[in-house]
Amino acid sequence: MPRPTPAQLTYGSLTVVFSTLAMLLLSQTSSGIGVALITLTALGLGLLVAMTVPQPKPAAPAARVAPVARAAEQRVPVQRAAAAPVLAESVREPAGP
């Protein structure tokens, strides 16, 4: 059986304390049996709350990456083709009249 987490202990304890106070104030009981019944009810409610707090999930092991995938992730520099030289065209003067 796993040990309770700090969150479970906190939520359960606070539930017991506050539910006991609330039930005692609302019922205004003064008999020993009434106080014992309220205390047992609050303990049960605190246990229920503590058990329903979600457990933390264990950390997943690191995934292994295949060497092919690592090579695909590497950036390969792209070589650009050399630009063709621009040749100046000779400017022709319009033929005169």
PDB file of N, CA and C in Angstrom:
ATOM      1  N   MET A   1       0.844  -1.170   0.000  1.00  0.00           N
ATOM      2  CA  MET A   1       0.000   0.000   0.000  1.00  0.00           C
ATOM      3  C   MET A   1       0.896   1.242   0.000  1.00  0.00           C
ATOM      4  N   PRO A   2       0.674   2.165  -0.947  1.00  0.00           N
ATOM      5  CA  PRO A   2       1.534   3.350  -1.014  1.00  0.00           C
ATOM      6  C   PRO A   2       1.260   4.302   0.147  1.00  0.00           C
ATOM      7  N   ARG A   3       2.279   5.056   0.506  1.00  0.00           N
ATOM      8  CA  ARG A   3       2.139   6.024   1.598  1.00  0.00           C
ATOM      9  C   ARG A   3       1.329   7.216   1.113  1.00  0.00           C
ATOM     10  N   PRO A   4       0.577   7.845   2.012  1.00  0.00           N
ATOM     11  CA  PRO A   4      -0.209   9.017   1.595  1.00  0.00           C
ATOM     12  C   PRO A   4       0.703  10.201   1.286  1.00  0.00           C
ATOM     13  N   THR A   5       0.292  10.973   0.308  1.00  0.00           N
ATOM     14  CA  THR A   5       1.050  12.156  -0.085  1.00  0.00           C
ATOM     15  C   THR A   5       0.724  13.305   0.870  1.00  0.00           C
ATOM     16  N   PRO A   6       1.553  14.339   0.887  1.00  0.00           N
ATOM     17  CA  PRO A   6       1.245  15.500   1.728  1.00  0.00           C
ATOM     18  C   PRO A   6      -0.108  16.140   1.387  1.00  0.00           C
ATOM     19  N   ALA A   7      -0.470  16.129   0.125  1.00  0.00           N
ATOM     20  CA  ALA A   7      -1.768  16.691  -0.269  1.00  0.00           C
ATOM     21  C   ALA A   7      -2.916  15.882   0.329  1.00  0.00           C
ATOM     22  N   GLN A   8      -2.785  14.563   0.315  1.00  0.00           N
ATOM     23  CA  GLN A   8      -3.831  13.719   0.902  1.00  0.00           C
ATOM     24  C   GLN A   8      -3.959  13.962   2.407  1.00  0.00           C
ATOM     25  N   LEU A   9      -2.830  14.055   3.094  1.00  0.00           N
ATOM     26  CA  LEU A   9      -2.874  14.305   4.535  1.00  0.00           C
ATOM     27  C   LEU A   9      -3.497  15.667   4.847  1.00  0.00           C
ATOM     28  N   THR A  10      -3.139  16.659   4.060  1.00  0.00           N
ATOM     29  CA  THR A  10      -3.664  18.012   4.296  1.00  0.00           C
ATOM     30  C   THR A  10      -5.165  18.075   4.056  1.00  0.00           C
ATOM     31  N   TYR A  11      -5.607  17.586   2.886  1.00  0.00           N
ATOM     32  CA  TYR A  11      -7.036  17.631   2.558  1.00  0.00           C
ATOM     33  C   TYR A  11      -7.858  16.813   3.553  1.00  0.00           C
ATOM     34  N   GLY A  12      -7.367  15.634   3.903  1.00  0.00           N
ATOM     35  CA  GLY A  12      -8.099  14.797   4.848  1.00  0.00           C
ATOM     36  C   GLY A  12      -8.209  15.434   6.222  1.00  0.00           C
ATOM     37  N   SER A  13      -7.103  15.996   6.717  1.00  0.00           N
ATOM     38  CA  SER A  13      -7.103  16.624   8.044  1.00  0.00           C
ATOM     39  C   SER A  13      -8.009  17.850   8.078  1.00  0.00           C
ATOM     40  N   LEU A  14      -7.908  18.686   7.056  1.00  0.00           N
ATOM     41  CA  LEU A  14      -8.757  19.876   7.017  1.00  0.00           C
ATOM     42  C   LEU A  14     -10.237  19.509   6.913  1.00  0.00           C
ATOM     43  N   THR A  15     -10.540  18.450   6.200  1.00  0.00           N
ATOM     44  CA  THR A  15     -11.926  18.003   6.085  1.00  0.00           C
ATOM     45  C   THR A  15     -12.453  17.545   7.440  1.00  0.00           C
ATOM     46  N   VAL A  16     -11.644  16.799   8.168  1.00  0.00           N
ATOM     47  CA  VAL A  16     -12.067  16.323   9.489  1.00  0.00           C
ATOM     48  C   VAL A  16     -12.332  17.503  10.424  1.00  0.00           C
ATOM     49  N   VAL A  17     -11.409  18.448  10.479  1.00  0.00           N
ATOM     50  CA  VAL A  17     -11.540  19.575  11.413  1.00  0.00           C
ATOM     51  C   VAL A  17     -12.759  20.426  11.065  1.00  0.00           C
ATOM     52  N   PHE A  18     -12.844  20.849   9.796  1.00  0.00           N
ATOM     53  CA  PHE A  18     -13.932  21.762   9.434  1.00  0.00           C
ATOM     54  C   PHE A  18     -15.299  21.083   9.428  1.00  0.00           C
ATOM     55  N   SER A  19     -15.356  19.826   9.018  1.00  0.00           N
ATOM     56  CA  SER A  19     -16.662  19.162   9.035  1.00  0.00           C
ATOM     57  C   SER A  19     -17.118  18.886  10.473  1.00  0.00           C
ATOM     58  N   THR A  20     -16.180  18.579  11.361  1.00  0.00           N
ATOM     59  CA  THR A  20     -16.549  18.389  12.769  1.00  0.00           C
ATOM     60  C   THR A  20     -17.101  19.686  13.362  1.00  0.00           C
ATOM     61  N   LEU A  21     -16.400  20.792  13.136  1.00  0.00           N
ATOM     62  CA  LEU A  21     -16.877  22.077  13.656  1.00  0.00           C
ATOM     63  C   LEU A  21     -18.241  22.445  13.080  1.00  0.00           C
ATOM     64  N   ALA A  22     -18.397  22.258  11.785  1.00  0.00           N
ATOM     65  CA  ALA A  22     -19.665  22.617  11.151  1.00  0.00           C
ATOM     66  C   ALA A  22     -20.820  21.778  11.685  1.00  0.00           C
ATOM     67  N   MET A  23     -20.602  20.453  11.792  1.00  0.00           N
ATOM     68  CA  MET A  23     -21.683  19.589  12.277  1.00  0.00           C
ATOM     69  C   MET A  23     -22.008  19.859  13.745  1.00  0.00           C
ATOM     70  N   LEU A  24     -20.994  20.139  14.549  1.00  0.00           N
ATOM     71  CA  LEU A  24     -21.259  20.439  15.961  1.00  0.00           C
ATOM     72  C   LEU A  24     -22.018  21.748  16.115  1.00  0.00           C
ATOM     73  N   LEU A  25     -21.649  22.764  15.314  1.00  0.00           N
ATOM     74  CA  LEU A  25     -22.351  24.042  15.414  1.00  0.00           C
ATOM     75  C   LEU A  25     -23.779  23.961  14.869  1.00  0.00           C
ATOM     76  N   LEU A  26     -23.954  23.200  13.793  1.00  0.00           N
ATOM     77  CA  LEU A  26     -25.291  23.104  13.200  1.00  0.00           C
ATOM     78  C   LEU A  26     -26.226  22.218  14.015  1.00  0.00           C
ATOM     79  N   SER A  27     -25.702  21.153  14.604  1.00  0.00           N
ATOM     80  CA  SER A  27     -26.572  20.238  15.358  1.00  0.00           C
ATOM     81  C   SER A  27     -26.814  20.721  16.789  1.00  0.00           C
ATOM     82  N   GLN A  28     -25.929  21.526  17.313  1.00  0.00           N
ATOM     83  CA  GLN A  28     -26.015  22.038  18.686  1.00  0.00           C
ATOM     84  C   GLN A  28     -26.218  20.908  19.701  1.00  0.00           C
ATOM     85  N   THR A  29     -25.544  19.801  19.467  1.00  0.00           N
ATOM     86  CA  THR A  29     -25.666  18.671  20.382  1.00  0.00           C
ATOM     87  C   THR A  29     -24.751  18.858  21.582  1.00  0.00           C
ATOM     88  N   SER A  30     -25.167  18.317  22.704  1.00  0.00           N
ATOM     89  CA  SER A  30     -24.343  18.395  23.913  1.00  0.00           C
ATOM     90  C   SER A  30     -24.153  17.015  24.534  1.00  0.00           C
ATOM     91  N   SER A  31     -24.783  15.993  23.964  1.00  0.00           N
ATOM     92  CA  SER A  31     -24.645  14.644  24.522  1.00  0.00           C
ATOM     93  C   SER A  31     -23.348  14.007  24.012  1.00  0.00           C
ATOM     94  N   GLY A  32     -22.828  13.103  24.810  1.00  0.00           N
ATOM     95  CA  GLY A  32     -21.590  12.407  24.439  1.00  0.00           C
ATOM     96  C   GLY A  32     -21.753  11.536  23.208  1.00  0.00           C
ATOM     97  N   ILE A  33     -22.924  10.893  23.100  1.00  0.00           N
ATOM     98  CA  ILE A  33     -23.180  10.027  21.950  1.00  0.00           C
ATOM     99  C   ILE A  33     -23.257  10.860  20.666  1.00  0.00           C
ATOM    100  N   GLY A  34     -23.882  12.020  20.730  1.00  0.00           N
ATOM    101  CA  GLY A  34     -23.990  12.885  19.551  1.00  0.00           C
ATOM    102  C   GLY A  34     -22.632  13.384  19.083  1.00  0.00           C
ATOM    103  N   VAL A  35     -21.793  13.762  20.043  1.00  0.00           N
ATOM    104  CA  VAL A  35     -20.445  14.239  19.705  1.00  0.00           C
ATOM    105  C   VAL A  35     -19.624  13.092  19.115  1.00  0.00           C
ATOM    106  N   ALA A  36     -19.733  11.898  19.687  1.00  0.00           N
ATOM    107  CA  ALA A  36     -18.999  10.744  19.168  1.00  0.00           C
ATOM    108  C   ALA A  36     -19.461  10.396  17.757  1.00  0.00           C
ATOM    109  N   LEU A  37     -20.774  10.450  17.519  1.00  0.00           N
ATOM    110  CA  LEU A  37     -21.301  10.157  16.184  1.00  0.00           C
ATOM    111  C   LEU A  37     -20.811  11.174  15.148  1.00  0.00           C
ATOM    112  N   ILE A  38     -20.805  12.449  15.539  1.00  0.00           N
ATOM    113  CA  ILE A  38     -20.326  13.497  14.629  1.00  0.00           C
ATOM    114  C   ILE A  38     -18.833  13.327  14.357  1.00  0.00           C
ATOM    115  N   THR A  39     -18.072  12.975  15.384  1.00  0.00           N
ATOM    116  CA  THR A  39     -16.627  12.779  15.220  1.00  0.00           C
ATOM    117  C   THR A  39     -16.336  11.616  14.286  1.00  0.00           C
ATOM    118  N   LEU A  40     -17.045  10.509  14.465  1.00  0.00           N
ATOM    119  CA  LEU A  40     -16.842   9.361  13.577  1.00  0.00           C
ATOM    120  C   LEU A  40     -17.258   9.676  12.143  1.00  0.00           C
ATOM    121  N   THR A  41     -18.337  10.427  11.989  1.00  0.00           N
ATOM    122  CA  THR A  41     -18.768  10.825  10.653  1.00  0.00           C
ATOM    123  C   THR A  41     -17.724  11.714   9.994  1.00  0.00           C
ATOM    124  N   ALA A  42     -17.154  12.651  10.740  1.00  0.00           N
ATOM    125  CA  ALA A  42     -16.129  13.539  10.191  1.00  0.00           C
ATOM    126  C   ALA A  42     -14.866  12.772   9.833  1.00  0.00           C
ATOM    127  N   LEU A  43     -14.495  11.788  10.658  1.00  0.00           N
ATOM    128  CA  LEU A  43     -13.328  10.964  10.331  1.00  0.00           C
ATOM    129  C   LEU A  43     -13.546  10.171   9.043  1.00  0.00           C
ATOM    130  N   GLY A  44     -14.739   9.615   8.899  1.00  0.00           N
ATOM    131  CA  GLY A  44     -15.052   8.891   7.666  1.00  0.00           C
ATOM    132  C   GLY A  44     -15.031   9.801   6.447  1.00  0.00           C
ATOM    133  N   LEU A  45     -15.580  10.999   6.596  1.00  0.00           N
ATOM    134  CA  LEU A  45     -15.569  11.954   5.492  1.00  0.00           C
ATOM    135  C   LEU A  45     -14.140  12.379   5.151  1.00  0.00           C
ATOM    136  N   GLY A  46     -13.309  12.606   6.163  1.00  0.00           N
ATOM    137  CA  GLY A  46     -11.906  12.960   5.924  1.00  0.00           C
ATOM    138  C   GLY A  46     -11.147  11.849   5.221  1.00  0.00           C
ATOM    139  N   LEU A  47     -11.422  10.611   5.599  1.00  0.00           N
ATOM    140  CA  LEU A  47     -10.787   9.469   4.932  1.00  0.00           C
ATOM    141  C   LEU A  47     -11.230   9.373   3.482  1.00  0.00           C
ATOM    142  N   LEU A  48     -12.499   9.601   3.242  1.00  0.00           N
ATOM    143  CA  LEU A  48     -13.015   9.566   1.869  1.00  0.00           C
ATOM    144  C   LEU A  48     -12.360  10.644   1.005  1.00  0.00           C
ATOM    145  N   VAL A  49     -12.245  11.845   1.547  1.00  0.00           N
ATOM    146  CA  VAL A  49     -11.622  12.934   0.795  1.00  0.00           C
ATOM    147  C   VAL A  49     -10.148  12.635   0.539  1.00  0.00           C
ATOM    148  N   ALA A  50      -9.449  12.127   1.548  1.00  0.00           N
ATOM    149  CA  ALA A  50      -8.023  11.844   1.391  1.00  0.00           C
ATOM    150  C   ALA A  50      -7.777  10.760   0.343  1.00  0.00           C
ATOM    151  N   MET A  51      -8.661   9.802   0.256  1.00  0.00           N
ATOM    152  CA  MET A  51      -8.457   8.712  -0.702  1.00  0.00           C
ATOM    153  C   MET A  51      -8.835   9.099  -2.130  1.00  0.00           C
ATOM    154  N   THR A  52      -9.646  10.136  -2.281  1.00  0.00           N
ATOM    155  CA  THR A  52     -10.047  10.530  -3.634  1.00  0.00           C
ATOM    156  C   THR A  52      -9.145  11.601  -4.244  1.00  0.00           C
ATOM    157  N   VAL A  53      -8.173  12.116  -3.473  1.00  0.00           N
ATOM    158  CA  VAL A  53      -7.206  13.062  -4.044  1.00  0.00           C
ATOM    159  C   VAL A  53      -6.356  12.297  -5.040  1.00  0.00           C
ATOM    160  N   PRO A  54      -6.203  12.811  -6.271  1.00  0.00           N
ATOM    161  CA  PRO A  54      -5.439  12.071  -7.278  1.00  0.00           C
ATOM    162  C   PRO A  54      -3.982  11.876  -6.872  1.00  0.00           C
ATOM    163  N   GLN A  55      -3.467  10.698  -7.169  1.00  0.00           N
ATOM    164  CA  GLN A  55      -2.071  10.375  -6.911  1.00  0.00           C
ATOM    165  C   GLN A  55      -1.209  10.976  -8.022  1.00  0.00           C
ATOM    166  N   PRO A  56      -0.005  11.444  -7.700  1.00  0.00           N
ATOM    167  CA  PRO A  56       0.874  11.931  -8.767  1.00  0.00           C
ATOM    168  C   PRO A  56       1.325  10.761  -9.635  1.00  0.00           C
ATOM    169  N   LYS A  57       1.421  11.027 -10.924  1.00  0.00           N
ATOM    170  CA  LYS A  57       1.841   9.977 -11.851  1.00  0.00           C
ATOM    171  C   LYS A  57       3.361   9.861 -11.825  1.00  0.00           C
ATOM    172  N   PRO A  58       3.883   8.637 -11.883  1.00  0.00           N
ATOM    173  CA  PRO A  58       5.343   8.486 -11.896  1.00  0.00           C
ATOM    174  C   PRO A  58       5.917   9.050 -13.196  1.00  0.00           C
ATOM    175  N   ALA A  59       7.123   9.552 -13.096  1.00  0.00           N
ATOM    176  CA  ALA A  59       7.779  10.135 -14.277  1.00  0.00           C
ATOM    177  C   ALA A  59       8.064   9.044 -15.299  1.00  0.00           C
ATOM    178  N   ALA A  60       7.768   9.343 -16.540  1.00  0.00           N
ATOM    179  CA  ALA A  60       8.001   8.383 -17.615  1.00  0.00           C
ATOM    180  C   ALA A  60       9.490   8.350 -17.939  1.00  0.00           C
ATOM    181  N   PRO A  61      10.029   7.166 -18.250  1.00  0.00           N
ATOM    182  CA  PRO A  61      11.442   7.105 -18.625  1.00  0.00           C
ATOM    183  C   PRO A  61      11.663   7.851 -19.942  1.00  0.00           C
ATOM    184  N   ALA A  62      12.861   8.373 -20.095  1.00  0.00           N
ATOM    185  CA  ALA A  62      13.184   9.142 -21.301  1.00  0.00           C
ATOM    186  C   ALA A  62      13.137   8.225 -22.518  1.00  0.00           C
ATOM    187  N   ALA A  63      12.517   8.716 -23.554  1.00  0.00           N
ATOM    188  CA  ALA A  63      12.408   7.927 -24.785  1.00  0.00           C
ATOM    189  C   ALA A  63      13.756   7.901 -25.492  1.00  0.00           C
ATOM    190  N   ARG A  64      14.094   6.762 -26.026  1.00  0.00           N
ATOM    191  CA  ARG A  64      15.347   6.638 -26.757  1.00  0.00           C
ATOM    192  C   ARG A  64      15.114   7.062 -28.195  1.00  0.00           C
ATOM    193  N   VAL A  65      16.033   7.859 -28.714  1.00  0.00           N
ATOM    194  CA  VAL A  65      15.916   8.352 -30.076  1.00  0.00           C
ATOM    195  C   VAL A  65      16.862   7.550 -30.953  1.00  0.00           C
ATOM    196  N   ALA A  66      16.331   7.055 -32.056  1.00  0.00           N
ATOM    197  CA  ALA A  66      17.136   6.266 -32.974  1.00  0.00           C
ATOM    198  C   ALA A  66      18.191   7.147 -33.636  1.00  0.00           C
ATOM    199  N   PRO A  67      19.359   6.584 -33.989  1.00  0.00           N
ATOM    200  CA  PRO A  67      20.397   7.389 -34.634  1.00  0.00           C
ATOM    201  C   PRO A  67      19.938   8.020 -35.944  1.00  0.00           C
ATOM    202  N   VAL A  68      19.048   7.352 -36.663  1.00  0.00           N
ATOM    203  CA  VAL A  68      18.557   7.912 -37.924  1.00  0.00           C
ATOM    204  C   VAL A  68      17.764   9.179 -37.651  1.00  0.00           C
ATOM    205  N   ALA A  69      16.985   9.166 -36.593  1.00  0.00           N
ATOM    206  CA  ALA A  69      16.192  10.344 -36.262  1.00  0.00           C
ATOM    207  C   ALA A  69      17.104  11.499 -35.842  1.00  0.00           C
ATOM    208  N   ARG A  70      18.196  11.192 -35.142  1.00  0.00           N
ATOM    209  CA  ARG A  70      19.121  12.249 -34.753  1.00  0.00           C
ATOM    210  C   ARG A  70      19.760  12.886 -35.975  1.00  0.00           C
ATOM    211  N   ALA A  71      20.117  12.074 -36.951  1.00  0.00           N
ATOM    212  CA  ALA A  71      20.733  12.609 -38.162  1.00  0.00           C
ATOM    213  C   ALA A  71      19.743  13.477 -38.925  1.00  0.00           C
ATOM    214  N   ALA A  72      18.477  13.107 -38.897  1.00  0.00           N
ATOM    215  CA  ALA A  72      17.469  13.896 -39.602  1.00  0.00           C
ATOM    216  C   ALA A  72      17.232  15.229 -38.907  1.00  0.00           C
ATOM    217  N   GLU A  73      17.465  15.279 -37.597  1.00  0.00           N
ATOM    218  CA  GLU A  73      17.252  16.515 -36.865  1.00  0.00           C
ATOM    219  C   GLU A  73      18.383  17.519 -37.068  1.00  0.00           C
ATOM    220  N   GLN A  74      19.563  17.047 -37.498  1.00  0.00           N
ATOM    221  CA  GLN A  74      20.685  17.952 -37.686  1.00  0.00           C
ATOM    222  C   GLN A  74      20.441  18.816 -38.911  1.00  0.00           C
ATOM    223  N   ARG A  75      20.875  20.045 -38.813  1.00  0.00           N
ATOM    224  CA  ARG A  75      20.685  20.957 -39.938  1.00  0.00           C
ATOM    225  C   ARG A  75      21.881  20.858 -40.872  1.00  0.00           C
ATOM    226  N   VAL A  76      21.585  20.698 -42.119  1.00  0.00           N
ATOM    227  CA  VAL A  76      22.624  20.610 -43.136  1.00  0.00           C
ATOM    228  C   VAL A  76      22.618  21.929 -43.894  1.00  0.00           C
ATOM    229  N   PRO A  77      23.785  22.589 -44.024  1.00  0.00           N
ATOM    230  CA  PRO A  77      23.798  23.857 -44.754  1.00  0.00           C
ATOM    231  C   PRO A  77      23.467  23.636 -46.230  1.00  0.00           C
ATOM    232  N   VAL A  78      22.703  24.547 -46.759  1.00  0.00           N
ATOM    233  CA  VAL A  78      22.287  24.456 -48.153  1.00  0.00           C
ATOM    234  C   VAL A  78      23.236  25.314 -48.977  1.00  0.00           C
ATOM    235  N   GLN A  79      23.807  24.709 -50.029  1.00  0.00           N
ATOM    236  CA  GLN A  79      24.697  25.464 -50.904  1.00  0.00           C
ATOM    237  C   GLN A  79      23.870  26.029 -52.044  1.00  0.00           C
ATOM    238  N   ARG A  80      24.047  27.308 -52.250  1.00  0.00           N
ATOM    239  CA  ARG A  80      23.303  27.952 -53.328  1.00  0.00           C
ATOM    240  C   ARG A  80      24.136  27.902 -54.603  1.00  0.00           C
ATOM    241  N   ALA A  81      23.435  27.762 -55.689  1.00  0.00           N
ATOM    242  CA  ALA A  81      24.118  27.748 -56.989  1.00  0.00           C
ATOM    243  C   ALA A  81      24.645  29.152 -57.284  1.00  0.00           C
ATOM    244  N   ALA A  82      25.797  29.199 -57.939  1.00  0.00           N
ATOM    245  CA  ALA A  82      26.372  30.501 -58.275  1.00  0.00           C
ATOM    246  C   ALA A  82      25.487  31.173 -59.317  1.00  0.00           C
ATOM    247  N   ALA A  83      25.274  32.453 -59.122  1.00  0.00           N
ATOM    248  CA  ALA A  83      24.426  33.194 -60.058  1.00  0.00           C
ATOM    249  C   ALA A  83      25.173  33.397 -61.368  1.00  0.00           C
ATOM    250  N   ALA A  84      24.450  33.279 -62.449  1.00  0.00           N
ATOM    251  CA  ALA A  84      25.051  33.495 -63.760  1.00  0.00           C
ATOM    252  C   ALA A  84      25.380  34.976 -63.912  1.00  0.00           C
ATOM    253  N   PRO A  85      26.517  35.291 -64.518  1.00  0.00           N
ATOM    254  CA  PRO A  85      26.862  36.700 -64.691  1.00  0.00           C
ATOM    255  C   PRO A  85      25.891  37.385 -65.630  1.00  0.00           C
ATOM    256  N   VAL A  86      25.583  38.612 -65.302  1.00  0.00           N
ATOM    257  CA  VAL A  86      24.658  39.389 -66.126  1.00  0.00           C
ATOM    258  C   VAL A  86      25.496  40.119 -67.171  1.00  0.00           C
ATOM    259  N   LEU A  87      25.141  39.881 -68.426  1.00  0.00           N
ATOM    260  CA  LEU A  87      25.864  40.544 -69.506  1.00  0.00           C
ATOM    261  C   LEU A  87      25.117  41.779 -69.917  1.00  0.00           C
ATOM    262  N   ALA A  88      25.849  42.829 -70.051  1.00  0.00           N
ATOM    263  CA  ALA A  88      25.217  44.076 -70.486  1.00  0.00           C
ATOM    264  C   ALA A  88      25.010  44.029 -71.995  1.00  0.00           C
ATOM    265  N   GLU A  89      23.838  44.369 -72.386  1.00  0.00           N
ATOM    266  CA  GLU A  89      23.575  44.408 -73.827  1.00  0.00           C
ATOM    267  C   GLU A  89      24.018  45.767 -74.353  1.00  0.00           C
ATOM    268  N   SER A  90      24.448  45.753 -75.536  1.00  0.00           N
ATOM    269  CA  SER A  90      24.862  47.026 -76.114  1.00  0.00           C
ATOM    270  C   SER A  90      23.615  47.840 -76.428  1.00  0.00           C
ATOM    271  N   VAL A  91      23.730  49.094 -76.185  1.00  0.00           N
ATOM    272  CA  VAL A  91      22.605  49.986 -76.409  1.00  0.00           C
ATOM    273  C   VAL A  91      22.725  50.508 -77.826  1.00  0.00           C
ATOM    274  N   ARG A  92      21.687  50.316 -78.588  1.00  0.00           N
ATOM    275  CA  ARG A  92      21.695  50.783 -79.965  1.00  0.00           C
ATOM    276  C   ARG A  92      20.939  52.102 -80.046  1.00  0.00           C
ATOM    277  N   GLU A  93      21.508  52.949 -80.793  1.00  0.00           N
ATOM    278  CA  GLU A  93      20.815  54.217 -80.995  1.00  0.00           C
ATOM    279  C   GLU A  93      19.819  54.028 -82.122  1.00  0.00           C
ATOM    280  N   PRO A  94      18.692  54.649 -81.963  1.00  0.00           N
ATOM    281  CA  PRO A  94      17.698  54.487 -83.022  1.00  0.00           C
ATOM    282  C   PRO A  94      18.225  55.050 -84.338  1.00  0.00           C
ATOM    283  N   ALA A  95      17.843  54.422 -85.363  1.00  0.00           N
ATOM    284  CA  ALA A  95      18.284  54.852 -86.704  1.00  0.00           C
ATOM    285  C   ALA A  95      17.635  56.186 -87.039  1.00  0.00           C
ATOM    286  N   GLY A  96      18.424  57.080 -87.572  1.00  0.00           N
ATOM    287  CA  GLY A  96      17.908  58.394 -87.882  1.00  0.00           C
ATOM    288  C   GLY A  96      17.124  58.443 -89.186  1.00  0.00           C
ATOM    289  N   PRO A  97      16.432  59.562 -89.469  1.00  0.00           N
ATOM    290  CA  PRO A  97      15.641  59.668 -90.710  1.00  0.00           C
ATOM    291  C   PRO A  97      16.451  59.983 -91.909  1.00  0.00           C
TER     292      PRO A  97
END
